[in-house]
Amino acid sequence: NIGFYAKKSHRVIDGGDCLLQPEEFTTITEIFRKW
């Protein structure tokens, strides 16, 4: 999982395509997942 912490926890929610972030960040996240 690569994303964000769920509220009041250290459980990571996979971010997918977060609409607050530039689209390039989603692309780079998937590059890291593959790598």
PDB file of all heavy atoms in Angstrom:
ATOM      1  N   ASN A   1       0.841  -1.197   0.000  1.00  0.00           N
ATOM      2  CA  ASN A   1       0.000   0.000   0.000  1.00  0.00           C
ATOM      3  C   ASN A   1       0.876   1.248   0.000  1.00  0.00           C
ATOM      4  O   ASN A   1       1.800   1.369   0.805  1.00  0.00           O
ATOM      5  CB  ASN A   1      -0.926   0.025   1.222  1.00  0.00           C
ATOM      6  CG  ASN A   1      -2.014  -1.026   1.153  1.00  0.00           C
ATOM      7  OD1 ASN A   1      -2.502  -1.339   0.068  1.00  0.00           O
ATOM      8  ND2 ASN A   1      -2.401  -1.577   2.282  1.00  0.00           N
ATOM      9  N   ILE A   2       0.561   2.157  -0.907  1.00  0.00           N
ATOM     10  CA  ILE A   2       1.233   3.452  -0.969  1.00  0.00           C
ATOM     11  C   ILE A   2       0.137   4.502  -0.981  1.00  0.00           C
ATOM     12  O   ILE A   2      -0.663   4.554  -1.923  1.00  0.00           O
ATOM     13  CB  ILE A   2       2.105   3.585  -2.236  1.00  0.00           C
ATOM     14  CG1 ILE A   2       3.119   2.441  -2.333  1.00  0.00           C
ATOM     15  CG2 ILE A   2       2.823   4.926  -2.246  1.00  0.00           C
ATOM     16  CD1 ILE A   2       3.908   2.423  -3.631  1.00  0.00           C
ATOM     17  N   GLY A   3       0.053   5.315   0.042  1.00  0.00           N
ATOM     18  CA  GLY A   3      -1.065   6.261   0.069  1.00  0.00           C
ATOM     19  C   GLY A   3      -1.049   7.183   1.254  1.00  0.00           C
ATOM     20  O   GLY A   3      -0.121   7.970   1.428  1.00  0.00           O
ATOM     21  N   PHE A   4      -2.055   7.050   2.128  1.00  0.00           N
ATOM     22  CA  PHE A   4      -2.217   7.958   3.252  1.00  0.00           C
ATOM     23  C   PHE A   4      -2.653   7.167   4.483  1.00  0.00           C
ATOM     24  O   PHE A   4      -3.283   6.113   4.369  1.00  0.00           O
ATOM     25  CB  PHE A   4      -3.268   9.030   2.935  1.00  0.00           C
ATOM     26  CG  PHE A   4      -2.998   9.784   1.671  1.00  0.00           C
ATOM     27  CD1 PHE A   4      -3.605   9.425   0.479  1.00  0.00           C
ATOM     28  CD2 PHE A   4      -2.101  10.846   1.661  1.00  0.00           C
ATOM     29  CE1 PHE A   4      -3.340  10.113  -0.693  1.00  0.00           C
ATOM     30  CE2 PHE A   4      -1.823  11.535   0.493  1.00  0.00           C
ATOM     31  CZ  PHE A   4      -2.449  11.165  -0.689  1.00  0.00           C
ATOM     32  N   TYR A   5      -2.329   7.717   5.637  1.00  0.00           N
ATOM     33  CA  TYR A   5      -2.776   7.078   6.865  1.00  0.00           C
ATOM     34  C   TYR A   5      -4.276   7.283   7.052  1.00  0.00           C
ATOM     35  O   TYR A   5      -4.796   8.387   6.860  1.00  0.00           O
ATOM     36  CB  TYR A   5      -2.046   7.645   8.080  1.00  0.00           C
ATOM     37  CG  TYR A   5      -0.588   7.255   8.159  1.00  0.00           C
ATOM     38  CD1 TYR A   5       0.413   8.220   8.183  1.00  0.00           C
ATOM     39  CD2 TYR A   5      -0.213   5.917   8.215  1.00  0.00           C
ATOM     40  CE1 TYR A   5       1.750   7.869   8.267  1.00  0.00           C
ATOM     41  CE2 TYR A   5       1.118   5.552   8.287  1.00  0.00           C
ATOM     42  CZ  TYR A   5       2.093   6.527   8.307  1.00  0.00           C
ATOM     43  OH  TYR A   5       3.414   6.164   8.377  1.00  0.00           O
ATOM     44  N   ALA A   6      -4.962   6.217   7.431  1.00  0.00           N
ATOM     45  CA  ALA A   6      -6.356   6.359   7.833  1.00  0.00           C
ATOM     46  C   ALA A   6      -6.412   7.255   9.064  1.00  0.00           C
ATOM     47  O   ALA A   6      -5.459   7.339   9.842  1.00  0.00           O
ATOM     48  CB  ALA A   6      -6.963   4.999   8.136  1.00  0.00           C
ATOM     49  N   LYS A   7      -7.520   7.925   9.242  1.00  0.00           N
ATOM     50  CA  LYS A   7      -7.638   8.903  10.321  1.00  0.00           C
ATOM     51  C   LYS A   7      -7.358   8.260  11.678  1.00  0.00           C
ATOM     52  O   LYS A   7      -7.869   7.188  11.995  1.00  0.00           O
ATOM     53  CB  LYS A   7      -9.044   9.510  10.307  1.00  0.00           C
ATOM     54  CG  LYS A   7      -9.162  10.812  11.082  1.00  0.00           C
ATOM     55  CD  LYS A   7     -10.467  11.512  10.768  1.00  0.00           C
ATOM     56  CE  LYS A   7     -10.502  12.891  11.396  1.00  0.00           C
ATOM     57  NZ  LYS A   7     -11.750  13.615  11.073  1.00  0.00           N
ATOM     58  N   LYS A   8      -6.491   8.915  12.458  1.00  0.00           N
ATOM     59  CA  LYS A   8      -6.146   8.510  13.817  1.00  0.00           C
ATOM     60  C   LYS A   8      -5.585   7.082  13.860  1.00  0.00           C
ATOM     61  O   LYS A   8      -5.873   6.309  14.777  1.00  0.00           O
ATOM     62  CB  LYS A   8      -7.359   8.631  14.746  1.00  0.00           C
ATOM     63  CG  LYS A   8      -7.866  10.056  14.888  1.00  0.00           C
ATOM     64  CD  LYS A   8      -9.066  10.149  15.799  1.00  0.00           C
ATOM     65  CE  LYS A   8      -9.571  11.585  15.888  1.00  0.00           C
ATOM     66  NZ  LYS A   8     -10.782  11.716  16.723  1.00  0.00           N
ATOM     67  N   SER A   9      -4.780   6.730  12.839  1.00  0.00           N
ATOM     68  CA  SER A   9      -4.186   5.400  12.820  1.00  0.00           C
ATOM     69  C   SER A   9      -2.903   5.429  12.003  1.00  0.00           C
ATOM     70  O   SER A   9      -2.584   6.435  11.367  1.00  0.00           O
ATOM     71  CB  SER A   9      -5.159   4.384  12.209  1.00  0.00           C
ATOM     72  OG  SER A   9      -5.088   4.398  10.790  1.00  0.00           O
ATOM     73  N   HIS A  10      -2.168   4.321  12.013  1.00  0.00           N
ATOM     74  CA  HIS A  10      -1.016   4.146  11.142  1.00  0.00           C
ATOM     75  C   HIS A  10      -1.297   3.058  10.107  1.00  0.00           C
ATOM     76  O   HIS A  10      -0.383   2.465   9.560  1.00  0.00           O
ATOM     77  CB  HIS A  10       0.235   3.829  11.958  1.00  0.00           C
ATOM     78  CG  HIS A  10       1.009   5.062  12.294  1.00  0.00           C
ATOM     79  ND1 HIS A  10       2.374   5.102  12.345  1.00  0.00           N
ATOM     80  CD2 HIS A  10       0.602   6.334  12.569  1.00  0.00           C
ATOM     81  CE1 HIS A  10       2.784   6.318  12.652  1.00  0.00           C
ATOM     82  NE2 HIS A  10       1.727   7.079  12.796  1.00  0.00           N
ATOM     83  N   ARG A  11      -2.581   2.830   9.842  1.00  0.00           N
ATOM     84  CA  ARG A  11      -2.980   1.918   8.777  1.00  0.00           C
ATOM     85  C   ARG A  11      -2.970   2.707   7.470  1.00  0.00           C
ATOM     86  O   ARG A  11      -3.578   3.772   7.368  1.00  0.00           O
ATOM     87  CB  ARG A  11      -4.376   1.371   9.079  1.00  0.00           C
ATOM     88  CG  ARG A  11      -4.899   0.375   8.057  1.00  0.00           C
ATOM     89  CD  ARG A  11      -6.147  -0.312   8.628  1.00  0.00           C
ATOM     90  NE  ARG A  11      -7.121   0.668   9.066  1.00  0.00           N
ATOM     91  CZ  ARG A  11      -8.084   1.177   8.286  1.00  0.00           C
ATOM     92  NH1 ARG A  11      -8.161   0.813   7.017  1.00  0.00           N
ATOM     93  NH2 ARG A  11      -8.946   2.048   8.772  1.00  0.00           N
ATOM     94  N   VAL A  12      -2.261   2.189   6.467  1.00  0.00           N
ATOM     95  CA  VAL A  12      -2.100   2.927   5.212  1.00  0.00           C
ATOM     96  C   VAL A  12      -3.218   2.552   4.237  1.00  0.00           C
ATOM     97  O   VAL A  12      -3.419   1.368   3.926  1.00  0.00           O
ATOM     98  CB  VAL A  12      -0.722   2.640   4.583  1.00  0.00           C
ATOM     99  CG1 VAL A  12      -0.608   3.326   3.218  1.00  0.00           C
ATOM    100  CG2 VAL A  12       0.388   3.133   5.499  1.00  0.00           C
ATOM    101  N   ILE A  13      -3.937   3.579   3.787  1.00  0.00           N
ATOM    102  CA  ILE A  13      -4.961   3.413   2.756  1.00  0.00           C
ATOM    103  C   ILE A  13      -4.307   3.663   1.407  1.00  0.00           C
ATOM    104  O   ILE A  13      -3.708   4.731   1.198  1.00  0.00           O
ATOM    105  CB  ILE A  13      -6.127   4.401   2.965  1.00  0.00           C
ATOM    106  CG1 ILE A  13      -6.745   4.215   4.354  1.00  0.00           C
ATOM    107  CG2 ILE A  13      -7.168   4.229   1.865  1.00  0.00           C
ATOM    108  CD1 ILE A  13      -7.333   2.876   4.623  1.00  0.00           C
ATOM    109  N   ASP A  14      -4.385   2.723   0.492  1.00  0.00           N
ATOM    110  CA  ASP A  14      -3.789   2.923  -0.820  1.00  0.00           C
ATOM    111  C   ASP A  14      -4.437   4.130  -1.489  1.00  0.00           C
ATOM    112  O   ASP A  14      -5.668   4.202  -1.608  1.00  0.00           O
ATOM    113  CB  ASP A  14      -3.971   1.678  -1.683  1.00  0.00           C
ATOM    114  CG  ASP A  14      -2.911   1.586  -2.759  1.00  0.00           C
ATOM    115  OD1 ASP A  14      -1.784   1.208  -2.426  1.00  0.00           O
ATOM    116  OD2 ASP A  14      -3.208   1.921  -3.921  1.00  0.00           O
ATOM    117  N   GLY A  15      -3.604   5.081  -1.921  1.00  0.00           N
ATOM    118  CA  GLY A  15      -4.111   6.386  -2.339  1.00  0.00           C
ATOM    119  C   GLY A  15      -4.806   6.411  -3.680  1.00  0.00           C
ATOM    120  O   GLY A  15      -5.651   7.266  -3.940  1.00  0.00           O
ATOM    121  N   GLY A  16      -4.453   5.464  -4.562  1.00  0.00           N
ATOM    122  CA  GLY A  16      -5.020   5.546  -5.900  1.00  0.00           C
ATOM    123  C   GLY A  16      -4.698   6.881  -6.531  1.00  0.00           C
ATOM    124  O   GLY A  16      -3.598   7.415  -6.376  1.00  0.00           O
ATOM    125  N   ASP A  17      -5.667   7.458  -7.209  1.00  0.00           N
ATOM    126  CA  ASP A  17      -5.490   8.770  -7.823  1.00  0.00           C
ATOM    127  C   ASP A  17      -6.113   9.819  -6.912  1.00  0.00           C
ATOM    128  O   ASP A  17      -7.295  10.147  -7.039  1.00  0.00           O
ATOM    129  CB  ASP A  17      -6.134   8.792  -9.211  1.00  0.00           C
ATOM    130  CG  ASP A  17      -5.956  10.123  -9.913  1.00  0.00           C
ATOM    131  OD1 ASP A  17      -5.001  10.849  -9.565  1.00  0.00           O
ATOM    132  OD2 ASP A  17      -6.772  10.457 -10.791  1.00  0.00           O
ATOM    133  N   CYS A  18      -5.318  10.349  -5.975  1.00  0.00           N
ATOM    134  CA  CYS A  18      -5.836  11.364  -5.058  1.00  0.00           C
ATOM    135  C   CYS A  18      -6.135  12.639  -5.825  1.00  0.00           C
ATOM    136  O   CYS A  18      -5.272  13.183  -6.519  1.00  0.00           O
ATOM    137  CB  CYS A  18      -4.818  11.640  -3.955  1.00  0.00           C
ATOM    138  SG  CYS A  18      -5.317  12.982  -2.853  1.00  0.00           S
ATOM    139  N   LEU A  19      -7.352  13.152  -5.685  1.00  0.00           N
ATOM    140  CA  LEU A  19      -7.788  14.312  -6.469  1.00  0.00           C
ATOM    141  C   LEU A  19      -7.197  15.623  -5.974  1.00  0.00           C
ATOM    142  O   LEU A  19      -7.372  16.656  -6.623  1.00  0.00           O
ATOM    143  CB  LEU A  19      -9.318  14.393  -6.464  1.00  0.00           C
ATOM    144  CG  LEU A  19     -10.032  13.210  -7.118  1.00  0.00           C
ATOM    145  CD1 LEU A  19     -11.539  13.382  -7.023  1.00  0.00           C
ATOM    146  CD2 LEU A  19      -9.601  13.043  -8.565  1.00  0.00           C
ATOM    147  N   LEU A  20      -6.512  15.609  -4.826  1.00  0.00           N
ATOM    148  CA  LEU A  20      -5.838  16.826  -4.367  1.00  0.00           C
ATOM    149  C   LEU A  20      -4.444  16.955  -4.975  1.00  0.00           C
ATOM    150  O   LEU A  20      -3.848  18.026  -4.928  1.00  0.00           O
ATOM    151  CB  LEU A  20      -5.725  16.835  -2.834  1.00  0.00           C
ATOM    152  CG  LEU A  20      -7.021  16.734  -2.032  1.00  0.00           C
ATOM    153  CD1 LEU A  20      -6.736  17.001  -0.561  1.00  0.00           C
ATOM    154  CD2 LEU A  20      -8.091  17.676  -2.558  1.00  0.00           C
ATOM    155  N   GLN A  21      -3.913  15.865  -5.524  1.00  0.00           N
ATOM    156  CA  GLN A  21      -2.533  15.832  -6.009  1.00  0.00           C
ATOM    157  C   GLN A  21      -2.483  15.955  -7.535  1.00  0.00           C
ATOM    158  O   GLN A  21      -3.415  15.532  -8.225  1.00  0.00           O
ATOM    159  CB  GLN A  21      -1.853  14.522  -5.602  1.00  0.00           C
ATOM    160  CG  GLN A  21      -2.080  14.092  -4.173  1.00  0.00           C
ATOM    161  CD  GLN A  21      -1.431  15.004  -3.152  1.00  0.00           C
ATOM    162  OE1 GLN A  21      -0.619  15.852  -3.504  1.00  0.00           O
ATOM    163  NE2 GLN A  21      -1.780  14.845  -1.890  1.00  0.00           N
ATOM    164  N   PRO A  22      -1.373  16.466  -8.070  1.00  0.00           N
ATOM    165  CA  PRO A  22      -1.209  16.474  -9.527  1.00  0.00           C
ATOM    166  C   PRO A  22      -1.229  15.048 -10.078  1.00  0.00           C
ATOM    167  O   PRO A  22      -0.820  14.092  -9.406  1.00  0.00           O
ATOM    168  CB  PRO A  22       0.177  17.115  -9.728  1.00  0.00           C
ATOM    169  CG  PRO A  22       0.439  17.882  -8.473  1.00  0.00           C
ATOM    170  CD  PRO A  22      -0.247  17.116  -7.375  1.00  0.00           C
ATOM    171  N   GLU A  23      -1.675  14.896 -11.322  1.00  0.00           N
ATOM    172  CA  GLU A  23      -1.758  13.572 -11.926  1.00  0.00           C
ATOM    173  C   GLU A  23      -0.387  12.903 -12.010  1.00  0.00           C
ATOM    174  O   GLU A  23      -0.282  11.673 -11.935  1.00  0.00           O
ATOM    175  CB  GLU A  23      -2.390  13.679 -13.313  1.00  0.00           C
ATOM    176  CG  GLU A  23      -3.865  14.070 -13.266  1.00  0.00           C
ATOM    177  CD  GLU A  23      -4.468  14.221 -14.646  1.00  0.00           C
ATOM    178  OE1 GLU A  23      -3.698  14.261 -15.629  1.00  0.00           O
ATOM    179  OE2 GLU A  23      -5.703  14.290 -14.741  1.00  0.00           O
ATOM    180  N   GLU A  24       0.672  13.713 -12.146  1.00  0.00           N
ATOM    181  CA  GLU A  24       2.022  13.133 -12.225  1.00  0.00           C
ATOM    182  C   GLU A  24       2.366  12.352 -10.964  1.00  0.00           C
ATOM    183  O   GLU A  24       3.105  11.363 -11.019  1.00  0.00           O
ATOM    184  CB  GLU A  24       3.076  14.228 -12.436  1.00  0.00           C
ATOM    185  CG  GLU A  24       2.942  14.980 -13.743  1.00  0.00           C
ATOM    186  CD  GLU A  24       2.181  16.284 -13.577  1.00  0.00           C
ATOM    187  OE1 GLU A  24       1.263  16.333 -12.733  1.00  0.00           O
ATOM    188  OE2 GLU A  24       2.528  17.258 -14.278  1.00  0.00           O
ATOM    189  N   PHE A  25       1.841  12.782  -9.799  1.00  0.00           N
ATOM    190  CA  PHE A  25       2.149  12.079  -8.554  1.00  0.00           C
ATOM    191  C   PHE A  25       1.570  10.660  -8.572  1.00  0.00           C
ATOM    192  O   PHE A  25       2.182   9.719  -8.057  1.00  0.00           O
ATOM    193  CB  PHE A  25       1.609  12.844  -7.352  1.00  0.00           C
ATOM    194  CG  PHE A  25       2.342  14.128  -7.034  1.00  0.00           C
ATOM    195  CD1 PHE A  25       3.324  14.623  -7.878  1.00  0.00           C
ATOM    196  CD2 PHE A  25       2.045  14.846  -5.886  1.00  0.00           C
ATOM    197  CE1 PHE A  25       3.994  15.811  -7.590  1.00  0.00           C
ATOM    198  CE2 PHE A  25       2.710  16.024  -5.584  1.00  0.00           C
ATOM    199  CZ  PHE A  25       3.684  16.508  -6.439  1.00  0.00           C
ATOM    200  N   THR A  26       0.386  10.514  -9.165  1.00  0.00           N
ATOM    201  CA  THR A  26      -0.208   9.183  -9.298  1.00  0.00           C
ATOM    202  C   THR A  26       0.653   8.309 -10.199  1.00  0.00           C
ATOM    203  O   THR A  26       0.913   7.136  -9.891  1.00  0.00           O
ATOM    204  CB  THR A  26      -1.631   9.287  -9.863  1.00  0.00           C
ATOM    205  OG1 THR A  26      -2.419  10.111  -9.007  1.00  0.00           O
ATOM    206  CG2 THR A  26      -2.278   7.913  -9.968  1.00  0.00           C
ATOM    207  N   THR A  27       1.121   8.879 -11.308  1.00  0.00           N
ATOM    208  CA  THR A  27       1.994   8.142 -12.225  1.00  0.00           C
ATOM    209  C   THR A  27       3.266   7.675 -11.525  1.00  0.00           C
ATOM    210  O   THR A  27       3.688   6.519 -11.665  1.00  0.00           O
ATOM    211  CB  THR A  27       2.350   9.025 -13.433  1.00  0.00           C
ATOM    212  OG1 THR A  27       1.160   9.419 -14.111  1.00  0.00           O
ATOM    213  CG2 THR A  27       3.264   8.291 -14.405  1.00  0.00           C
ATOM    214  N   ILE A  28       3.878   8.573 -10.741  1.00  0.00           N
ATOM    215  CA  ILE A  28       5.131   8.228 -10.059  1.00  0.00           C
ATOM    216  C   ILE A  28       4.882   7.183  -8.971  1.00  0.00           C
ATOM    217  O   ILE A  28       5.713   6.288  -8.755  1.00  0.00           O
ATOM    218  CB  ILE A  28       5.789   9.493  -9.461  1.00  0.00           C
ATOM    219  CG1 ILE A  28       6.099  10.503 -10.577  1.00  0.00           C
ATOM    220  CG2 ILE A  28       7.077   9.142  -8.727  1.00  0.00           C
ATOM    221  CD1 ILE A  28       6.541  11.861 -10.077  1.00  0.00           C
ATOM    222  N   THR A  29       3.742   7.266  -8.292  1.00  0.00           N
ATOM    223  CA  THR A  29       3.400   6.263  -7.283  1.00  0.00           C
ATOM    224  C   THR A  29       3.346   4.871  -7.897  1.00  0.00           C
ATOM    225  O   THR A  29       3.857   3.894  -7.330  1.00  0.00           O
ATOM    226  CB  THR A  29       2.057   6.606  -6.615  1.00  0.00           C
ATOM    227  OG1 THR A  29       2.150   7.881  -5.985  1.00  0.00           O
ATOM    228  CG2 THR A  29       1.679   5.563  -5.573  1.00  0.00           C
ATOM    229  N   GLU A  30       2.740   4.774  -9.074  1.00  0.00           N
ATOM    230  CA  GLU A  30       2.660   3.480  -9.745  1.00  0.00           C
ATOM    231  C   GLU A  30       4.027   3.006 -10.218  1.00  0.00           C
ATOM    232  O   GLU A  30       4.302   1.799 -10.248  1.00  0.00           O
ATOM    233  CB  GLU A  30       1.667   3.555 -10.906  1.00  0.00           C
ATOM    234  CG  GLU A  30       0.231   3.743 -10.465  1.00  0.00           C
ATOM    235  CD  GLU A  30      -0.179   2.747  -9.386  1.00  0.00           C
ATOM    236  OE1 GLU A  30      -0.001   1.534  -9.594  1.00  0.00           O
ATOM    237  OE2 GLU A  30      -0.645   3.185  -8.318  1.00  0.00           O
ATOM    238  N   ILE A  31       4.904   3.937 -10.574  1.00  0.00           N
ATOM    239  CA  ILE A  31       6.279   3.578 -10.920  1.00  0.00           C
ATOM    240  C   ILE A  31       6.977   2.950  -9.710  1.00  0.00           C
ATOM    241  O   ILE A  31       7.658   1.919  -9.830  1.00  0.00           O
ATOM    242  CB  ILE A  31       7.055   4.815 -11.415  1.00  0.00           C
ATOM    243  CG1 ILE A  31       6.616   5.163 -12.840  1.00  0.00           C
ATOM    244  CG2 ILE A  31       8.568   4.599 -11.349  1.00  0.00           C
ATOM    245  CD1 ILE A  31       7.182   6.470 -13.364  1.00  0.00           C
ATOM    246  N   PHE A  32       6.800   3.540  -8.550  1.00  0.00           N
ATOM    247  CA  PHE A  32       7.412   2.989  -7.341  1.00  0.00           C
ATOM    248  C   PHE A  32       6.820   1.637  -6.990  1.00  0.00           C
ATOM    249  O   PHE A  32       7.549   0.735  -6.542  1.00  0.00           O
ATOM    250  CB  PHE A  32       7.263   3.962  -6.170  1.00  0.00           C
ATOM    251  CG  PHE A  32       8.406   4.916  -6.049  1.00  0.00           C
ATOM    252  CD1 PHE A  32       8.371   6.154  -6.687  1.00  0.00           C
ATOM    253  CD2 PHE A  32       9.529   4.583  -5.312  1.00  0.00           C
ATOM    254  CE1 PHE A  32       9.431   7.038  -6.596  1.00  0.00           C
ATOM    255  CE2 PHE A  32      10.596   5.461  -5.207  1.00  0.00           C
ATOM    256  CZ  PHE A  32      10.550   6.688  -5.861  1.00  0.00           C
ATOM    257  N   ARG A  33       5.529   1.463  -7.189  1.00  0.00           N
ATOM    258  CA  ARG A  33       4.906   0.172  -6.904  1.00  0.00           C
ATOM    259  C   ARG A  33       5.547  -0.927  -7.776  1.00  0.00           C
ATOM    260  O   ARG A  33       5.879  -2.015  -7.294  1.00  0.00           O
ATOM    261  CB  ARG A  33       3.401   0.249  -7.163  1.00  0.00           C
ATOM    262  CG  ARG A  33       2.616  -0.912  -6.552  1.00  0.00           C
ATOM    263  CD  ARG A  33       1.152  -0.862  -6.979  1.00  0.00           C
ATOM    264  NE  ARG A  33       0.544   0.421  -6.733  1.00  0.00           N
ATOM    265  CZ  ARG A  33       0.019   0.786  -5.565  1.00  0.00           C
ATOM    266  NH1 ARG A  33       0.061  -0.038  -4.544  1.00  0.00           N
ATOM    267  NH2 ARG A  33      -0.528   1.978  -5.413  1.00  0.00           N
ATOM    268  N   LYS A  34       5.707  -0.598  -9.051  1.00  0.00           N
ATOM    269  CA  LYS A  34       6.323  -1.551  -9.980  1.00  0.00           C
ATOM    270  C   LYS A  34       7.772  -1.822  -9.601  1.00  0.00           C
ATOM    271  O   LYS A  34       8.212  -2.992  -9.556  1.00  0.00           O
ATOM    272  CB  LYS A  34       6.241  -0.994 -11.402  1.00  0.00           C
ATOM    273  CG  LYS A  34       6.893  -1.867 -12.457  1.00  0.00           C
ATOM    274  CD  LYS A  34       6.767  -1.237 -13.844  1.00  0.00           C
ATOM    275  CE  LYS A  34       7.444  -2.119 -14.894  1.00  0.00           C
ATOM    276  NZ  LYS A  34       7.337  -1.521 -16.258  1.00  0.00           N
ATOM    277  N   TRP A  35       8.516  -0.772  -9.303  1.00  0.00           N
ATOM    278  CA  TRP A  35       9.937  -0.899  -8.971  1.00  0.00           C
ATOM    279  C   TRP A  35      10.148  -1.714  -7.695  1.00  0.00           C
ATOM    280  O   TRP A  35      11.011  -2.593  -7.634  1.00  0.00           O
ATOM    281  CB  TRP A  35      10.538   0.495  -8.847  1.00  0.00           C
ATOM    282  CG  TRP A  35      11.961   0.547  -8.382  1.00  0.00           C
ATOM    283  CD1 TRP A  35      13.082   0.227  -9.097  1.00  0.00           C
ATOM    284  CD2 TRP A  35      12.424   0.944  -7.077  1.00  0.00           C
ATOM    285  NE1 TRP A  35      14.208   0.406  -8.328  1.00  0.00           N
ATOM    286  CE2 TRP A  35      13.838   0.847  -7.094  1.00  0.00           C
ATOM    287  CE3 TRP A  35      11.781   1.385  -5.927  1.00  0.00           C
ATOM    288  CZ2 TRP A  35      14.610   1.171  -5.978  1.00  0.00           C
ATOM    289  CZ3 TRP A  35      12.542   1.701  -4.813  1.00  0.00           C
ATOM    290  CH2 TRP A  35      13.942   1.603  -4.843  1.00  0.00           C
TER     291      TRP A  35
END
